[in-house]
Amino acid sequence: MAPAESSTIDLAPRRNARRAERSLPRSRAGRARATCGLFIVGTDTGVGKTRVAGRIAAALARAGLRVGVYKPAASGCRRLGKSLISDDALALWQAAGEPGELHAVCPQRFTAPLAPHLAAREERKEIDASLLRTGIDYWRRRSDIVIVEGAGGLMSPVGERDYVADLAECFGYPLVVVAPNRIGTINSTLLTLIAAAARPKPLAIAGIVLNDVVRRDRGDPAVHFNRMELETRCVPPVLAHLAHEAGDFDAPVDWLRVARGLSGH
């Protein structure tokens, strides 16, 4: 199988981008400098990771930080002329203020709505396991903080041998777990925390964001109790709640402090 194309979006570089990148600090070895970040993971697919990650990126950008956004791979992308667009990547990029180049947000994009490695196989391609890990370097070189959005849940496969958890461990950023505010979220959230803690090298968890995936008047009584239950049963804190169709979280969070392993309140 042919390797996946790493750039199918034909966009001109932003003005002065190369000059700006040359001016950014680097280590003595010439590698990208260390940059803090957050890894946004869901308890499952369809829980609102992009919505939460976008709100976090926007808040950091409003604070004057250079925000990088990275989604290692995406499936279910749409064709637009000769380009293959990941709507999640586009939303993240716009939320962060359109830094750098859009194609660098998600270097590996596929059309089939399947796990990325299966979507790649449908196109007679294969996931580039190295690029999953190195694609983030583009953002580390030019950003104060990087927001990474995983695909699906912590144990969702992103390659023939790789899971989202493997990328989270590789990047070393604390997890923000997005929990959908609906019945069943207590179980799925606890399972995600257990999976993170059970790895040979446990994954650090910054906290949980409860996200309203439906309106509160849709007849699910669990939505009124989930936050209290999560706060009671989970060791990591519930950092924020994002109401349905809300433009921002219910309370201010210092996401930079959260990324640095400090309290965000």
C-alpha atoms as a PDB file:
ATOM      1  CA  MET A   1       0.000   0.000   0.000  1.00  0.00           C
ATOM      2  CA  ALA A   2       1.136   3.513  -0.708  1.00  0.00           C
ATOM      3  CA  PRO A   3       1.820   5.807   2.263  1.00  0.00           C
ATOM      4  CA  ALA A   4      -0.850   8.358   3.098  1.00  0.00           C
ATOM      5  CA  GLU A   5      -0.394  11.751   1.526  1.00  0.00           C
ATOM      6  CA  SER A   6       0.697  14.134   4.237  1.00  0.00           C
ATOM      7  CA  SER A   7      -0.559  17.267   2.505  1.00  0.00           C
ATOM      8  CA  THR A   8      -3.648  17.307   0.314  1.00  0.00           C
ATOM      9  CA  ILE A   9      -4.712  20.886   1.110  1.00  0.00           C
ATOM     10  CA  ASP A  10      -3.211  23.377  -1.273  1.00  0.00           C
ATOM     11  CA  LEU A  11      -2.986  26.605   0.733  1.00  0.00           C
ATOM     12  CA  ALA A  12      -0.383  29.351   0.377  1.00  0.00           C
ATOM     13  CA  PRO A  13       1.819  29.888   3.448  1.00  0.00           C
ATOM     14  CA  ARG A  14       0.794  32.711   5.717  1.00  0.00           C
ATOM     15  CA  ARG A  15       2.704  35.956   5.192  1.00  0.00           C
ATOM     16  CA  ASN A  16       6.082  36.071   6.936  1.00  0.00           C
ATOM     17  CA  ALA A  17       5.568  32.581   8.398  1.00  0.00           C
ATOM     18  CA  ARG A  18       9.016  31.368   7.400  1.00  0.00           C
ATOM     19  CA  ARG A  19      10.721  34.473   8.720  1.00  0.00           C
ATOM     20  CA  ALA A  20       8.849  34.140  12.017  1.00  0.00           C
ATOM     21  CA  GLU A  21       9.757  30.465  12.332  1.00  0.00           C
ATOM     22  CA  ARG A  22      13.476  31.219  11.820  1.00  0.00           C
ATOM     23  CA  SER A  23      13.320  33.648  14.741  1.00  0.00           C
ATOM     24  CA  LEU A  24      11.866  31.144  17.208  1.00  0.00           C
ATOM     25  CA  PRO A  25      14.168  29.762  19.907  1.00  0.00           C
ATOM     26  CA  ARG A  26      15.610  26.291  19.455  1.00  0.00           C
ATOM     27  CA  SER A  27      17.707  23.979  21.544  1.00  0.00           C
ATOM     28  CA  ARG A  28      21.461  23.627  20.974  1.00  0.00           C
ATOM     29  CA  ALA A  29      20.797  20.479  18.979  1.00  0.00           C
ATOM     30  CA  GLY A  30      18.573  22.481  16.640  1.00  0.00           C
ATOM     31  CA  ARG A  31      15.412  20.667  17.632  1.00  0.00           C
ATOM     32  CA  ALA A  32      12.087  22.253  18.487  1.00  0.00           C
ATOM     33  CA  ARG A  33      12.108  23.778  21.963  1.00  0.00           C
ATOM     34  CA  ALA A  34      10.118  22.177  24.756  1.00  0.00           C
ATOM     35  CA  THR A  35       6.535  23.420  24.714  1.00  0.00           C
ATOM     36  CA  CYS A  36       3.774  22.675  27.198  1.00  0.00           C
ATOM     37  CA  GLY A  37       0.471  21.331  26.004  1.00  0.00           C
ATOM     38  CA  LEU A  38      -2.772  19.521  26.695  1.00  0.00           C
ATOM     39  CA  PHE A  39      -4.007  16.300  25.134  1.00  0.00           C
ATOM     40  CA  ILE A  40      -7.790  16.335  24.687  1.00  0.00           C
ATOM     41  CA  VAL A  41      -9.275  12.849  24.783  1.00  0.00           C
ATOM     42  CA  GLY A  42     -12.881  11.713  24.901  1.00  0.00           C
ATOM     43  CA  THR A  43     -14.528   8.899  26.783  1.00  0.00           C
ATOM     44  CA  ASP A  44     -15.710   7.787  23.323  1.00  0.00           C
ATOM     45  CA  THR A  45     -16.249   9.184  19.858  1.00  0.00           C
ATOM     46  CA  GLY A  46     -18.878  11.875  19.339  1.00  0.00           C
ATOM     47  CA  VAL A  47     -18.567  13.405  22.824  1.00  0.00           C
ATOM     48  CA  GLY A  48     -17.525  16.908  21.741  1.00  0.00           C
ATOM     49  CA  LYS A  49     -13.713  16.811  21.862  1.00  0.00           C
ATOM     50  CA  THR A  50     -13.351  19.349  19.062  1.00  0.00           C
ATOM     51  CA  ARG A  51     -15.850  21.686  20.693  1.00  0.00           C
ATOM     52  CA  VAL A  52     -13.981  21.584  24.006  1.00  0.00           C
ATOM     53  CA  ALA A  53     -10.516  21.742  22.428  1.00  0.00           C
ATOM     54  CA  GLY A  54     -11.598  24.726  20.341  1.00  0.00           C
ATOM     55  CA  ARG A  55     -12.860  26.618  23.401  1.00  0.00           C
ATOM     56  CA  ILE A  56      -9.569  25.942  25.185  1.00  0.00           C
ATOM     57  CA  ALA A  57      -7.520  27.078  22.181  1.00  0.00           C
ATOM     58  CA  ALA A  58      -9.618  30.233  21.795  1.00  0.00           C
ATOM     59  CA  ALA A  59      -9.225  31.134  25.481  1.00  0.00           C
ATOM     60  CA  LEU A  60      -5.451  30.758  25.265  1.00  0.00           C
ATOM     61  CA  ALA A  61      -5.282  32.815  22.077  1.00  0.00           C
ATOM     62  CA  ARG A  62      -7.335  35.586  23.711  1.00  0.00           C
ATOM     63  CA  ALA A  63      -4.760  35.597  26.520  1.00  0.00           C
ATOM     64  CA  GLY A  64      -2.097  36.510  23.967  1.00  0.00           C
ATOM     65  CA  LEU A  65      -0.400  33.113  23.683  1.00  0.00           C
ATOM     66  CA  ARG A  66       0.788  31.528  20.464  1.00  0.00           C
ATOM     67  CA  VAL A  67      -1.415  28.453  20.294  1.00  0.00           C
ATOM     68  CA  GLY A  68      -0.630  25.407  18.198  1.00  0.00           C
ATOM     69  CA  VAL A  69      -3.315  22.847  17.397  1.00  0.00           C
ATOM     70  CA  TYR A  70      -2.645  19.292  16.278  1.00  0.00           C
ATOM     71  CA  LYS A  71      -4.806  16.312  15.339  1.00  0.00           C
ATOM     72  CA  PRO A  72      -2.525  13.418  14.368  1.00  0.00           C
ATOM     73  CA  ALA A  73      -5.007  11.798  11.972  1.00  0.00           C
ATOM     74  CA  ALA A  74      -8.613  12.230  10.895  1.00  0.00           C
ATOM     75  CA  SER A  75     -11.121  10.154   8.968  1.00  0.00           C
ATOM     76  CA  GLY A  76     -14.503  11.091   7.567  1.00  0.00           C
ATOM     77  CA  CYS A  77     -12.953  14.067   5.771  1.00  0.00           C
ATOM     78  CA  ARG A  78     -14.644  15.822   2.859  1.00  0.00           C
ATOM     79  CA  ARG A  79     -13.421  16.717  -0.607  1.00  0.00           C
ATOM     80  CA  LEU A  80     -13.223  20.374  -1.586  1.00  0.00           C
ATOM     81  CA  GLY A  81     -11.748  20.618  -5.057  1.00  0.00           C
ATOM     82  CA  LYS A  82      -8.342  18.980  -4.866  1.00  0.00           C
ATOM     83  CA  SER A  83      -8.191  19.329  -1.095  1.00  0.00           C
ATOM     84  CA  LEU A  84      -9.284  16.907   1.600  1.00  0.00           C
ATOM     85  CA  ILE A  85     -10.703  18.841   4.548  1.00  0.00           C
ATOM     86  CA  SER A  86     -10.978  17.673   8.138  1.00  0.00           C
ATOM     87  CA  ASP A  87     -13.727  19.798   9.641  1.00  0.00           C
ATOM     88  CA  ASP A  88     -12.336  19.112  13.115  1.00  0.00           C
ATOM     89  CA  ALA A  89      -8.896  20.382  12.097  1.00  0.00           C
ATOM     90  CA  LEU A  90     -10.433  23.431  10.442  1.00  0.00           C
ATOM     91  CA  ALA A  91     -12.435  24.258  13.573  1.00  0.00           C
ATOM     92  CA  LEU A  92      -9.351  23.933  15.784  1.00  0.00           C
ATOM     93  CA  TRP A  93      -7.267  26.101  13.463  1.00  0.00           C
ATOM     94  CA  GLN A  94      -9.886  28.834  13.345  1.00  0.00           C
ATOM     95  CA  ALA A  95     -10.373  28.747  17.122  1.00  0.00           C
ATOM     96  CA  ALA A  96      -6.633  29.247  17.635  1.00  0.00           C
ATOM     97  CA  GLY A  97      -6.616  32.299  15.348  1.00  0.00           C
ATOM     98  CA  GLU A  98      -5.460  30.521  12.164  1.00  0.00           C
ATOM     99  CA  PRO A  99      -1.795  30.096  13.109  1.00  0.00           C
ATOM    100  CA  GLY A 100       0.711  28.534  10.721  1.00  0.00           C
ATOM    101  CA  GLU A 101      -0.687  26.429   7.897  1.00  0.00           C
ATOM    102  CA  LEU A 102      -3.938  24.491   7.984  1.00  0.00           C
ATOM    103  CA  HIS A 103      -2.543  21.305   6.468  1.00  0.00           C
ATOM    104  CA  ALA A 104      -0.089  21.020   9.384  1.00  0.00           C
ATOM    105  CA  VAL A 105      -2.975  20.761  11.878  1.00  0.00           C
ATOM    106  CA  CYS A 106      -3.845  17.298  10.597  1.00  0.00           C
ATOM    107  CA  PRO A 107      -1.201  15.880   8.242  1.00  0.00           C
ATOM    108  CA  GLN A 108      -2.990  12.560   7.659  1.00  0.00           C
ATOM    109  CA  ARG A 109      -6.557  12.774   6.401  1.00  0.00           C
ATOM    110  CA  PHE A 110      -8.874  10.135   4.962  1.00  0.00           C
ATOM    111  CA  THR A 111     -12.422  10.053   3.609  1.00  0.00           C
ATOM    112  CA  ALA A 112     -13.995   6.892   5.054  1.00  0.00           C
ATOM    113  CA  PRO A 113     -15.708   7.361   8.472  1.00  0.00           C
ATOM    114  CA  LEU A 114     -13.657   4.599  10.082  1.00  0.00           C
ATOM    115  CA  ALA A 115     -10.749   4.348  12.501  1.00  0.00           C
ATOM    116  CA  PRO A 116      -7.855   6.129  10.730  1.00  0.00           C
ATOM    117  CA  HIS A 117      -5.874   2.989   9.893  1.00  0.00           C
ATOM    118  CA  LEU A 118      -8.983   1.350   8.420  1.00  0.00           C
ATOM    119  CA  ALA A 119      -9.894   4.499   6.493  1.00  0.00           C
ATOM    120  CA  ALA A 120      -6.365   4.549   5.084  1.00  0.00           C
ATOM    121  CA  ARG A 121      -6.701   0.909   4.032  1.00  0.00           C
ATOM    122  CA  GLU A 122      -9.919   1.743   2.152  1.00  0.00           C
ATOM    123  CA  GLU A 123      -7.848   4.168   0.045  1.00  0.00           C
ATOM    124  CA  ARG A 124      -5.038   1.630  -0.458  1.00  0.00           C
ATOM    125  CA  LYS A 125      -2.802   3.691   1.793  1.00  0.00           C
ATOM    126  CA  GLU A 126      -1.379   3.202   5.245  1.00  0.00           C
ATOM    127  CA  ILE A 127      -0.941   5.324   8.335  1.00  0.00           C
ATOM    128  CA  ASP A 128       2.530   6.806   8.712  1.00  0.00           C
ATOM    129  CA  ALA A 129       3.304   5.876  12.338  1.00  0.00           C
ATOM    130  CA  SER A 130       6.352   8.142  12.429  1.00  0.00           C
ATOM    131  CA  LEU A 131       4.400  11.154  11.153  1.00  0.00           C
ATOM    132  CA  LEU A 132       1.755  10.603  13.841  1.00  0.00           C
ATOM    133  CA  ARG A 133       4.491  11.439  16.338  1.00  0.00           C
ATOM    134  CA  THR A 134       6.617  13.990  14.474  1.00  0.00           C
ATOM    135  CA  GLY A 135       3.834  16.063  12.921  1.00  0.00           C
ATOM    136  CA  ILE A 136       3.526  17.923  16.216  1.00  0.00           C
ATOM    137  CA  ASP A 137       7.057  19.332  15.867  1.00  0.00           C
ATOM    138  CA  TYR A 138       5.772  21.943  13.405  1.00  0.00           C
ATOM    139  CA  TRP A 139       3.661  23.393  16.236  1.00  0.00           C
ATOM    140  CA  ARG A 140       6.191  22.949  19.006  1.00  0.00           C
ATOM    141  CA  ARG A 141       8.640  25.145  17.076  1.00  0.00           C
ATOM    142  CA  ARG A 142       6.240  28.063  16.811  1.00  0.00           C
ATOM    143  CA  SER A 143       3.907  27.868  19.812  1.00  0.00           C
ATOM    144  CA  ASP A 144       3.776  28.668  23.509  1.00  0.00           C
ATOM    145  CA  ILE A 145       1.311  25.834  24.052  1.00  0.00           C
ATOM    146  CA  VAL A 146      -0.046  23.033  21.865  1.00  0.00           C
ATOM    147  CA  ILE A 147      -3.569  21.623  22.078  1.00  0.00           C
ATOM    148  CA  VAL A 148      -3.721  18.062  20.745  1.00  0.00           C
ATOM    149  CA  GLU A 149      -7.022  16.392  19.931  1.00  0.00           C
ATOM    150  CA  GLY A 150      -7.060  12.620  19.853  1.00  0.00           C
ATOM    151  CA  ALA A 151      -9.338  10.466  17.712  1.00  0.00           C
ATOM    152  CA  GLY A 152     -12.147   8.843  19.691  1.00  0.00           C
ATOM    153  CA  GLY A 153     -11.319   7.460  23.119  1.00  0.00           C
ATOM    154  CA  LEU A 154      -8.048   6.644  24.842  1.00  0.00           C
ATOM    155  CA  MET A 155      -8.009   3.075  23.505  1.00  0.00           C
ATOM    156  CA  SER A 156      -9.168   3.949  19.993  1.00  0.00           C
ATOM    157  CA  PRO A 157      -6.703   2.603  17.397  1.00  0.00           C
ATOM    158  CA  VAL A 158      -4.919   5.159  15.210  1.00  0.00           C
ATOM    159  CA  GLY A 159      -2.623   2.692  13.456  1.00  0.00           C
ATOM    160  CA  GLU A 160      -1.964  -0.999  13.010  1.00  0.00           C
ATOM    161  CA  ARG A 161      -0.254  -1.079  16.423  1.00  0.00           C
ATOM    162  CA  ASP A 162      -0.850   2.391  17.848  1.00  0.00           C
ATOM    163  CA  TYR A 163      -3.623   3.610  20.116  1.00  0.00           C
ATOM    164  CA  VAL A 164      -4.495   7.153  21.118  1.00  0.00           C
ATOM    165  CA  ALA A 165      -2.941   6.397  24.513  1.00  0.00           C
ATOM    166  CA  ASP A 166       0.408   5.663  22.839  1.00  0.00           C
ATOM    167  CA  LEU A 167       0.456   9.128  21.271  1.00  0.00           C
ATOM    168  CA  ALA A 168      -0.545  10.742  24.560  1.00  0.00           C
ATOM    169  CA  GLU A 169       2.403   9.027  26.239  1.00  0.00           C
ATOM    170  CA  CYS A 170       4.748  10.047  23.426  1.00  0.00           C
ATOM    171  CA  PHE A 171       3.804  13.743  23.604  1.00  0.00           C
ATOM    172  CA  GLY A 172       3.868  13.812  27.397  1.00  0.00           C
ATOM    173  CA  TYR A 173       1.026  16.299  27.814  1.00  0.00           C
ATOM    174  CA  PRO A 174      -1.547  15.907  30.602  1.00  0.00           C
ATOM    175  CA  LEU A 175      -4.951  14.640  29.544  1.00  0.00           C
ATOM    176  CA  VAL A 176      -8.163  16.627  29.566  1.00  0.00           C
ATOM    177  CA  VAL A 177     -10.941  14.045  29.476  1.00  0.00           C
ATOM    178  CA  VAL A 178     -14.122  15.170  27.717  1.00  0.00           C
ATOM    179  CA  ALA A 179     -17.138  13.459  29.288  1.00  0.00           C
ATOM    180  CA  PRO A 180     -20.549  13.770  27.600  1.00  0.00           C
ATOM    181  CA  ASN A 181     -23.287  14.929  29.924  1.00  0.00           C
ATOM    182  CA  ARG A 182     -25.692  12.036  29.428  1.00  0.00           C
ATOM    183  CA  ILE A 183     -26.593   8.782  31.074  1.00  0.00           C
ATOM    184  CA  GLY A 184     -23.667   6.347  31.137  1.00  0.00           C
ATOM    185  CA  THR A 185     -20.956   8.965  31.431  1.00  0.00           C
ATOM    186  CA  ILE A 186     -19.945   7.971  34.981  1.00  0.00           C
ATOM    187  CA  ASN A 187     -19.000   4.475  33.825  1.00  0.00           C
ATOM    188  CA  SER A 188     -17.223   5.586  30.637  1.00  0.00           C
ATOM    189  CA  THR A 189     -15.318   8.347  32.436  1.00  0.00           C
ATOM    190  CA  LEU A 190     -14.120   6.030  35.204  1.00  0.00           C
ATOM    191  CA  LEU A 191     -13.041   3.449  32.614  1.00  0.00           C
ATOM    192  CA  THR A 192     -11.014   6.132  30.812  1.00  0.00           C
ATOM    193  CA  LEU A 193      -9.298   7.138  34.054  1.00  0.00           C
ATOM    194  CA  ILE A 194      -8.568   3.503  34.862  1.00  0.00           C
ATOM    195  CA  ALA A 195      -7.110   2.906  31.392  1.00  0.00           C
ATOM    196  CA  ALA A 196      -4.831   5.938  31.783  1.00  0.00           C
ATOM    197  CA  ALA A 197      -3.622   4.803  35.206  1.00  0.00           C
ATOM    198  CA  ALA A 198      -3.128   1.145  34.211  1.00  0.00           C
ATOM    199  CA  ARG A 199      -0.479   1.753  31.575  1.00  0.00           C
ATOM    200  CA  PRO A 200       3.139   0.776  32.377  1.00  0.00           C
ATOM    201  CA  LYS A 201       3.848   4.499  32.425  1.00  0.00           C
ATOM    202  CA  PRO A 202       0.609   6.022  33.787  1.00  0.00           C
ATOM    203  CA  LEU A 203      -0.733   9.007  31.894  1.00  0.00           C
ATOM    204  CA  ALA A 204      -1.109  12.246  33.832  1.00  0.00           C
ATOM    205  CA  ILE A 205      -4.676  13.557  33.901  1.00  0.00           C
ATOM    206  CA  ALA A 206      -5.237  17.285  34.323  1.00  0.00           C
ATOM    207  CA  GLY A 207      -8.965  16.900  34.784  1.00  0.00           C
ATOM    208  CA  ILE A 208     -12.382  16.400  33.245  1.00  0.00           C
ATOM    209  CA  VAL A 209     -14.622  18.683  31.202  1.00  0.00           C
ATOM    210  CA  LEU A 210     -18.318  17.826  31.253  1.00  0.00           C
ATOM    211  CA  ASN A 211     -19.831  18.641  27.880  1.00  0.00           C
ATOM    212  CA  ASP A 212     -23.561  18.945  27.196  1.00  0.00           C
ATOM    213  CA  VAL A 213     -24.150  16.946  24.023  1.00  0.00           C
ATOM    214  CA  VAL A 214     -27.933  17.516  24.175  1.00  0.00           C
ATOM    215  CA  ARG A 215     -30.146  20.196  25.673  1.00  0.00           C
ATOM    216  CA  ARG A 216     -31.025  19.722  29.320  1.00  0.00           C
ATOM    217  CA  ASP A 217     -34.743  19.664  28.582  1.00  0.00           C
ATOM    218  CA  ARG A 218     -34.519  16.537  26.407  1.00  0.00           C
ATOM    219  CA  GLY A 219     -35.687  14.219  29.184  1.00  0.00           C
ATOM    220  CA  ASP A 220     -32.416  12.713  30.448  1.00  0.00           C
ATOM    221  CA  PRO A 221     -32.451  13.219  34.237  1.00  0.00           C
ATOM    222  CA  ALA A 222     -28.803  12.109  34.512  1.00  0.00           C
ATOM    223  CA  VAL A 223     -27.626  15.476  33.172  1.00  0.00           C
ATOM    224  CA  HIS A 224     -28.562  17.117  36.482  1.00  0.00           C
ATOM    225  CA  PHE A 225     -26.484  14.693  38.589  1.00  0.00           C
ATOM    226  CA  ASN A 226     -23.445  13.777  36.475  1.00  0.00           C
ATOM    227  CA  ARG A 227     -21.167  16.587  37.616  1.00  0.00           C
ATOM    228  CA  MET A 228     -21.765  15.881  41.294  1.00  0.00           C
ATOM    229  CA  GLU A 229     -21.208  12.164  40.751  1.00  0.00           C
ATOM    230  CA  LEU A 230     -17.986  12.722  38.806  1.00  0.00           C
ATOM    231  CA  GLU A 231     -16.664  15.094  41.452  1.00  0.00           C
ATOM    232  CA  THR A 232     -17.430  12.484  44.112  1.00  0.00           C
ATOM    233  CA  ARG A 233     -16.023   9.437  42.351  1.00  0.00           C
ATOM    234  CA  CYS A 234     -13.058  10.739  40.306  1.00  0.00           C
ATOM    235  CA  VAL A 235      -9.642  11.720  41.673  1.00  0.00           C
ATOM    236  CA  PRO A 236      -8.910  14.240  38.860  1.00  0.00           C
ATOM    237  CA  PRO A 237     -11.017  17.394  39.210  1.00  0.00           C
ATOM    238  CA  VAL A 238     -13.919  18.436  37.040  1.00  0.00           C
ATOM    239  CA  LEU A 239     -12.289  21.516  35.531  1.00  0.00           C
ATOM    240  CA  ALA A 240     -15.313  22.975  33.770  1.00  0.00           C
ATOM    241  CA  HIS A 241     -18.737  22.406  32.314  1.00  0.00           C
ATOM    242  CA  LEU A 242     -19.641  23.426  28.755  1.00  0.00           C
ATOM    243  CA  ALA A 243     -23.370  23.933  28.384  1.00  0.00           C
ATOM    244  CA  HIS A 244     -25.213  23.085  25.181  1.00  0.00           C
ATOM    245  CA  GLU A 245     -24.575  25.777  22.530  1.00  0.00           C
ATOM    246  CA  ALA A 246     -22.629  27.874  25.067  1.00  0.00           C
ATOM    247  CA  GLY A 247     -19.803  30.026  23.786  1.00  0.00           C
ATOM    248  CA  ASP A 248     -17.558  29.368  26.762  1.00  0.00           C
ATOM    249  CA  PHE A 249     -17.130  27.311  29.915  1.00  0.00           C
ATOM    250  CA  ASP A 250     -19.208  27.891  33.026  1.00  0.00           C
ATOM    251  CA  ALA A 251     -16.227  29.371  34.902  1.00  0.00           C
ATOM    252  CA  PRO A 252     -12.809  30.765  33.926  1.00  0.00           C
ATOM    253  CA  VAL A 253      -9.962  28.242  33.780  1.00  0.00           C
ATOM    254  CA  ASP A 254      -6.282  29.119  33.479  1.00  0.00           C
ATOM    255  CA  TRP A 255      -5.473  26.486  30.884  1.00  0.00           C
ATOM    256  CA  LEU A 256      -1.791  27.402  30.774  1.00  0.00           C
ATOM    257  CA  ARG A 257      -1.479  26.598  34.491  1.00  0.00           C
ATOM    258  CA  VAL A 258      -3.384  23.357  33.909  1.00  0.00           C
ATOM    259  CA  ALA A 259      -0.924  22.397  31.139  1.00  0.00           C
ATOM    260  CA  ARG A 260       1.960  23.083  33.500  1.00  0.00           C
ATOM    261  CA  GLY A 261       0.496  20.736  36.094  1.00  0.00           C
ATOM    262  CA  LEU A 262      -0.893  23.470  38.347  1.00  0.00           C
ATOM    263  CA  SER A 263      -4.406  24.284  39.484  1.00  0.00           C
ATOM    264  CA  GLY A 264      -6.327  26.209  36.842  1.00  0.00           C
ATOM    265  CA  HIS A 265      -8.636  28.016  39.249  1.00  0.00           C
END
